[in-house]
N, C-alpha and C. Protein backbone atom coordinates (compact mmCIF):
# COMPACT_ATOMS: atom_id res chain seq x y z
N VAL A 1 -17.14 -7.25 -8.07
CA VAL A 1 -17.36 -5.85 -8.39
C VAL A 1 -16.48 -5.49 -9.57
N VAL A 2 -17.08 -4.84 -10.56
CA VAL A 2 -16.34 -4.36 -11.73
C VAL A 2 -16.43 -2.83 -11.71
N ILE A 3 -15.27 -2.18 -11.72
CA ILE A 3 -15.23 -0.72 -11.66
C ILE A 3 -14.65 -0.19 -12.97
N ASP A 4 -15.39 0.72 -13.59
CA ASP A 4 -14.97 1.38 -14.83
C ASP A 4 -14.44 2.75 -14.47
N PHE A 5 -13.12 2.96 -14.60
CA PHE A 5 -12.53 4.27 -14.40
C PHE A 5 -12.58 4.98 -15.74
N THR A 6 -13.30 6.10 -15.77
CA THR A 6 -13.63 6.78 -17.01
C THR A 6 -13.45 8.28 -16.87
N ALA A 7 -13.59 9.00 -17.97
CA ALA A 7 -13.56 10.46 -17.97
C ALA A 7 -14.46 10.96 -19.10
N SER A 8 -15.10 12.09 -18.87
CA SER A 8 -16.05 12.61 -19.86
C SER A 8 -15.36 12.97 -21.18
N TRP A 9 -14.10 13.33 -21.14
CA TRP A 9 -13.35 13.74 -22.33
C TRP A 9 -12.71 12.57 -23.08
N CYS A 10 -12.87 11.37 -22.56
CA CYS A 10 -12.18 10.19 -23.09
C CYS A 10 -13.02 9.51 -24.18
N GLY A 11 -12.56 9.59 -25.43
CA GLY A 11 -13.27 8.97 -26.55
C GLY A 11 -13.43 7.46 -26.41
N PRO A 12 -12.36 6.72 -26.13
CA PRO A 12 -12.50 5.28 -25.95
C PRO A 12 -13.46 4.91 -24.81
N CYS A 13 -13.53 5.76 -23.79
CA CYS A 13 -14.46 5.50 -22.68
C CYS A 13 -15.91 5.56 -23.18
N ARG A 14 -16.19 6.52 -24.05
CA ARG A 14 -17.55 6.64 -24.60
C ARG A 14 -17.89 5.44 -25.47
N ILE A 15 -16.90 4.89 -26.16
CA ILE A 15 -17.13 3.70 -26.97
C ILE A 15 -17.46 2.50 -26.08
N MET A 16 -16.78 2.39 -24.94
CA MET A 16 -16.96 1.24 -24.05
C MET A 16 -18.19 1.35 -23.16
N ALA A 17 -18.73 2.55 -22.98
CA ALA A 17 -19.85 2.75 -22.06
C ALA A 17 -21.05 1.84 -22.36
N PRO A 18 -21.53 1.73 -23.61
CA PRO A 18 -22.67 0.84 -23.85
C PRO A 18 -22.32 -0.64 -23.66
N ILE A 19 -21.08 -1.00 -23.92
CA ILE A 19 -20.64 -2.39 -23.71
C ILE A 19 -20.65 -2.71 -22.23
N PHE A 20 -20.14 -1.78 -21.42
CA PHE A 20 -20.14 -1.94 -19.95
C PHE A 20 -21.57 -2.06 -19.44
N ALA A 21 -22.47 -1.23 -19.96
CA ALA A 21 -23.89 -1.28 -19.56
C ALA A 21 -24.52 -2.61 -19.94
N ASP A 22 -24.22 -3.12 -21.13
CA ASP A 22 -24.75 -4.42 -21.55
C ASP A 22 -24.25 -5.55 -20.66
N LEU A 23 -22.97 -5.51 -20.29
CA LEU A 23 -22.42 -6.54 -19.41
C LEU A 23 -23.09 -6.49 -18.04
N ALA A 24 -23.38 -5.29 -17.56
CA ALA A 24 -24.07 -5.16 -16.27
C ALA A 24 -25.45 -5.82 -16.32
N LYS A 25 -26.12 -5.73 -17.46
CA LYS A 25 -27.43 -6.38 -17.62
C LYS A 25 -27.29 -7.89 -17.72
N LYS A 26 -26.24 -8.36 -18.39
CA LYS A 26 -26.04 -9.80 -18.58
C LYS A 26 -25.59 -10.51 -17.31
N PHE A 27 -24.95 -9.78 -16.41
CA PHE A 27 -24.42 -10.37 -15.18
C PHE A 27 -24.98 -9.63 -13.97
N PRO A 28 -26.29 -9.81 -13.69
CA PRO A 28 -26.92 -9.04 -12.62
C PRO A 28 -26.41 -9.38 -11.22
N ALA A 29 -25.75 -10.51 -11.05
CA ALA A 29 -25.22 -10.87 -9.73
C ALA A 29 -23.97 -10.07 -9.38
N ALA A 30 -23.32 -9.49 -10.38
CA ALA A 30 -22.12 -8.68 -10.15
C ALA A 30 -22.52 -7.22 -9.99
N VAL A 31 -21.69 -6.47 -9.28
CA VAL A 31 -21.91 -5.04 -9.10
C VAL A 31 -21.00 -4.30 -10.08
N PHE A 32 -21.58 -3.41 -10.87
CA PHE A 32 -20.84 -2.63 -11.86
C PHE A 32 -20.89 -1.16 -11.44
N LEU A 33 -19.72 -0.54 -11.31
CA LEU A 33 -19.62 0.85 -10.87
C LEU A 33 -18.79 1.65 -11.87
N LYS A 34 -19.08 2.96 -11.93
CA LYS A 34 -18.27 3.87 -12.75
C LYS A 34 -17.65 4.91 -11.83
N VAL A 35 -16.38 5.23 -12.08
CA VAL A 35 -15.68 6.26 -11.34
C VAL A 35 -15.15 7.27 -12.35
N ASP A 36 -15.58 8.53 -12.22
CA ASP A 36 -15.05 9.60 -13.06
C ASP A 36 -13.72 10.05 -12.45
N VAL A 37 -12.64 9.84 -13.18
CA VAL A 37 -11.31 10.12 -12.62
C VAL A 37 -11.09 11.61 -12.36
N ASP A 38 -11.81 12.47 -13.04
CA ASP A 38 -11.67 13.91 -12.79
C ASP A 38 -12.38 14.31 -11.50
N GLU A 39 -13.47 13.64 -11.17
CA GLU A 39 -14.22 13.94 -9.95
C GLU A 39 -13.63 13.23 -8.73
N LEU A 40 -13.05 12.06 -8.94
CA LEU A 40 -12.52 11.26 -7.83
C LEU A 40 -11.06 10.87 -8.10
N LYS A 41 -10.21 11.89 -8.24
CA LYS A 41 -8.80 11.65 -8.54
C LYS A 41 -8.12 10.78 -7.49
N SER A 42 -8.48 10.98 -6.22
CA SER A 42 -7.82 10.22 -5.15
C SER A 42 -8.11 8.72 -5.27
N ILE A 43 -9.32 8.37 -5.71
CA ILE A 43 -9.66 6.95 -5.89
C ILE A 43 -8.86 6.37 -7.05
N ALA A 44 -8.76 7.12 -8.14
CA ALA A 44 -7.97 6.67 -9.29
C ALA A 44 -6.51 6.48 -8.89
N GLU A 45 -5.97 7.41 -8.12
CA GLU A 45 -4.59 7.29 -7.67
C GLU A 45 -4.40 6.10 -6.74
N GLN A 46 -5.37 5.88 -5.86
CA GLN A 46 -5.30 4.77 -4.91
C GLN A 46 -5.15 3.43 -5.64
N PHE A 47 -5.81 3.31 -6.79
CA PHE A 47 -5.78 2.06 -7.55
C PHE A 47 -4.81 2.12 -8.74
N SER A 48 -3.92 3.12 -8.74
CA SER A 48 -2.88 3.25 -9.77
C SER A 48 -3.44 3.27 -11.19
N VAL A 49 -4.54 3.99 -11.36
CA VAL A 49 -5.15 4.13 -12.69
C VAL A 49 -4.43 5.26 -13.42
N GLU A 50 -3.80 4.93 -14.53
CA GLU A 50 -3.02 5.91 -15.29
C GLU A 50 -3.57 6.14 -16.69
N ALA A 51 -4.45 5.26 -17.17
CA ALA A 51 -5.02 5.39 -18.51
C ALA A 51 -6.51 5.05 -18.44
N MET A 52 -7.27 5.65 -19.34
CA MET A 52 -8.69 5.37 -19.40
C MET A 52 -9.05 4.82 -20.77
N PRO A 53 -10.02 3.91 -20.80
CA PRO A 53 -10.66 3.34 -19.62
C PRO A 53 -9.80 2.26 -18.96
N THR A 54 -9.96 2.14 -17.66
CA THR A 54 -9.38 1.03 -16.90
C THR A 54 -10.52 0.38 -16.16
N PHE A 55 -10.58 -0.94 -16.24
CA PHE A 55 -11.62 -1.71 -15.56
C PHE A 55 -10.95 -2.58 -14.50
N LEU A 56 -11.38 -2.42 -13.25
CA LEU A 56 -10.84 -3.23 -12.16
C LEU A 56 -11.87 -4.26 -11.75
N PHE A 57 -11.38 -5.44 -11.44
CA PHE A 57 -12.22 -6.53 -10.93
C PHE A 57 -11.82 -6.74 -9.48
N MET A 58 -12.78 -6.54 -8.57
CA MET A 58 -12.48 -6.62 -7.15
C MET A 58 -13.34 -7.66 -6.47
N LYS A 59 -12.75 -8.27 -5.45
CA LYS A 59 -13.49 -9.21 -4.62
C LYS A 59 -12.98 -9.06 -3.20
N GLU A 60 -13.90 -8.85 -2.27
CA GLU A 60 -13.59 -8.71 -0.85
C GLU A 60 -12.51 -7.64 -0.61
N GLY A 61 -12.59 -6.54 -1.36
CA GLY A 61 -11.69 -5.42 -1.17
C GLY A 61 -10.35 -5.52 -1.87
N ASP A 62 -10.09 -6.62 -2.54
CA ASP A 62 -8.82 -6.81 -3.23
C ASP A 62 -9.00 -6.75 -4.74
N VAL A 63 -8.05 -6.13 -5.44
CA VAL A 63 -8.06 -6.12 -6.90
C VAL A 63 -7.61 -7.49 -7.38
N LYS A 64 -8.47 -8.14 -8.14
CA LYS A 64 -8.18 -9.49 -8.65
C LYS A 64 -7.68 -9.47 -10.09
N ASP A 65 -8.07 -8.42 -10.84
CA ASP A 65 -7.71 -8.36 -12.25
C ASP A 65 -7.97 -6.96 -12.76
N ARG A 66 -7.45 -6.65 -13.95
CA ARG A 66 -7.72 -5.35 -14.57
C ARG A 66 -7.61 -5.46 -16.08
N VAL A 67 -8.36 -4.60 -16.75
CA VAL A 67 -8.27 -4.44 -18.20
C VAL A 67 -8.01 -2.96 -18.44
N VAL A 68 -6.95 -2.66 -19.18
CA VAL A 68 -6.63 -1.27 -19.50
C VAL A 68 -6.84 -1.08 -21.00
N GLY A 69 -7.70 -0.12 -21.33
CA GLY A 69 -7.97 0.18 -22.73
C GLY A 69 -9.34 -0.28 -23.17
N ALA A 70 -9.71 0.17 -24.36
CA ALA A 70 -11.04 -0.13 -24.93
C ALA A 70 -10.96 -1.44 -25.70
N ILE A 71 -10.82 -2.53 -24.96
CA ILE A 71 -10.66 -3.86 -25.57
C ILE A 71 -11.90 -4.68 -25.22
N LYS A 72 -12.90 -4.62 -26.09
CA LYS A 72 -14.20 -5.24 -25.82
C LYS A 72 -14.08 -6.72 -25.49
N GLU A 73 -13.33 -7.47 -26.30
CA GLU A 73 -13.24 -8.92 -26.11
C GLU A 73 -12.61 -9.27 -24.77
N GLU A 74 -11.54 -8.57 -24.41
CA GLU A 74 -10.87 -8.85 -23.14
C GLU A 74 -11.78 -8.53 -21.96
N LEU A 75 -12.48 -7.39 -22.03
CA LEU A 75 -13.40 -7.02 -20.95
C LEU A 75 -14.51 -8.05 -20.83
N THR A 76 -15.12 -8.42 -21.94
CA THR A 76 -16.21 -9.39 -21.93
C THR A 76 -15.74 -10.73 -21.37
N ASN A 77 -14.58 -11.19 -21.80
CA ASN A 77 -14.05 -12.47 -21.32
C ASN A 77 -13.76 -12.44 -19.82
N LYS A 78 -13.18 -11.36 -19.35
CA LYS A 78 -12.83 -11.29 -17.93
C LYS A 78 -14.06 -11.13 -17.05
N VAL A 79 -15.07 -10.41 -17.52
CA VAL A 79 -16.32 -10.33 -16.75
C VAL A 79 -16.91 -11.73 -16.62
N GLY A 80 -16.96 -12.48 -17.71
CA GLY A 80 -17.48 -13.84 -17.66
C GLY A 80 -16.68 -14.73 -16.74
N LEU A 81 -15.36 -14.61 -16.79
CA LEU A 81 -14.48 -15.41 -15.94
C LEU A 81 -14.71 -15.12 -14.47
N HIS A 82 -14.73 -13.84 -14.11
CA HIS A 82 -14.86 -13.47 -12.70
C HIS A 82 -16.28 -13.66 -12.18
N ALA A 83 -17.27 -13.53 -13.05
CA ALA A 83 -18.66 -13.74 -12.63
C ALA A 83 -18.90 -15.21 -12.29
N ALA A 84 -18.15 -16.09 -12.93
CA ALA A 84 -18.31 -17.53 -12.70
C ALA A 84 -17.67 -17.99 -11.39
N GLN A 85 -16.83 -17.15 -10.80
CA GLN A 85 -16.12 -17.54 -9.56
C GLN A 85 -16.94 -17.26 -8.33
């Protein structure tokens, strides 16, 4: 599961949105979710999200990895890495 913690006012989040959508199409076996931190503050706090965008990689309820910031290459590489596991 890949979770994108985002906010409507976040410029870098808007830049990453189409990249996140493309990755979801390329890796259909993975689940891709978006969490608006303004609507679901408690979820963002639960996962210690302090900056947007933050992408969490989860498996069986545990956080396995994270990418903080609008770093296309790092996000793409980590999605590929975790999708292969």
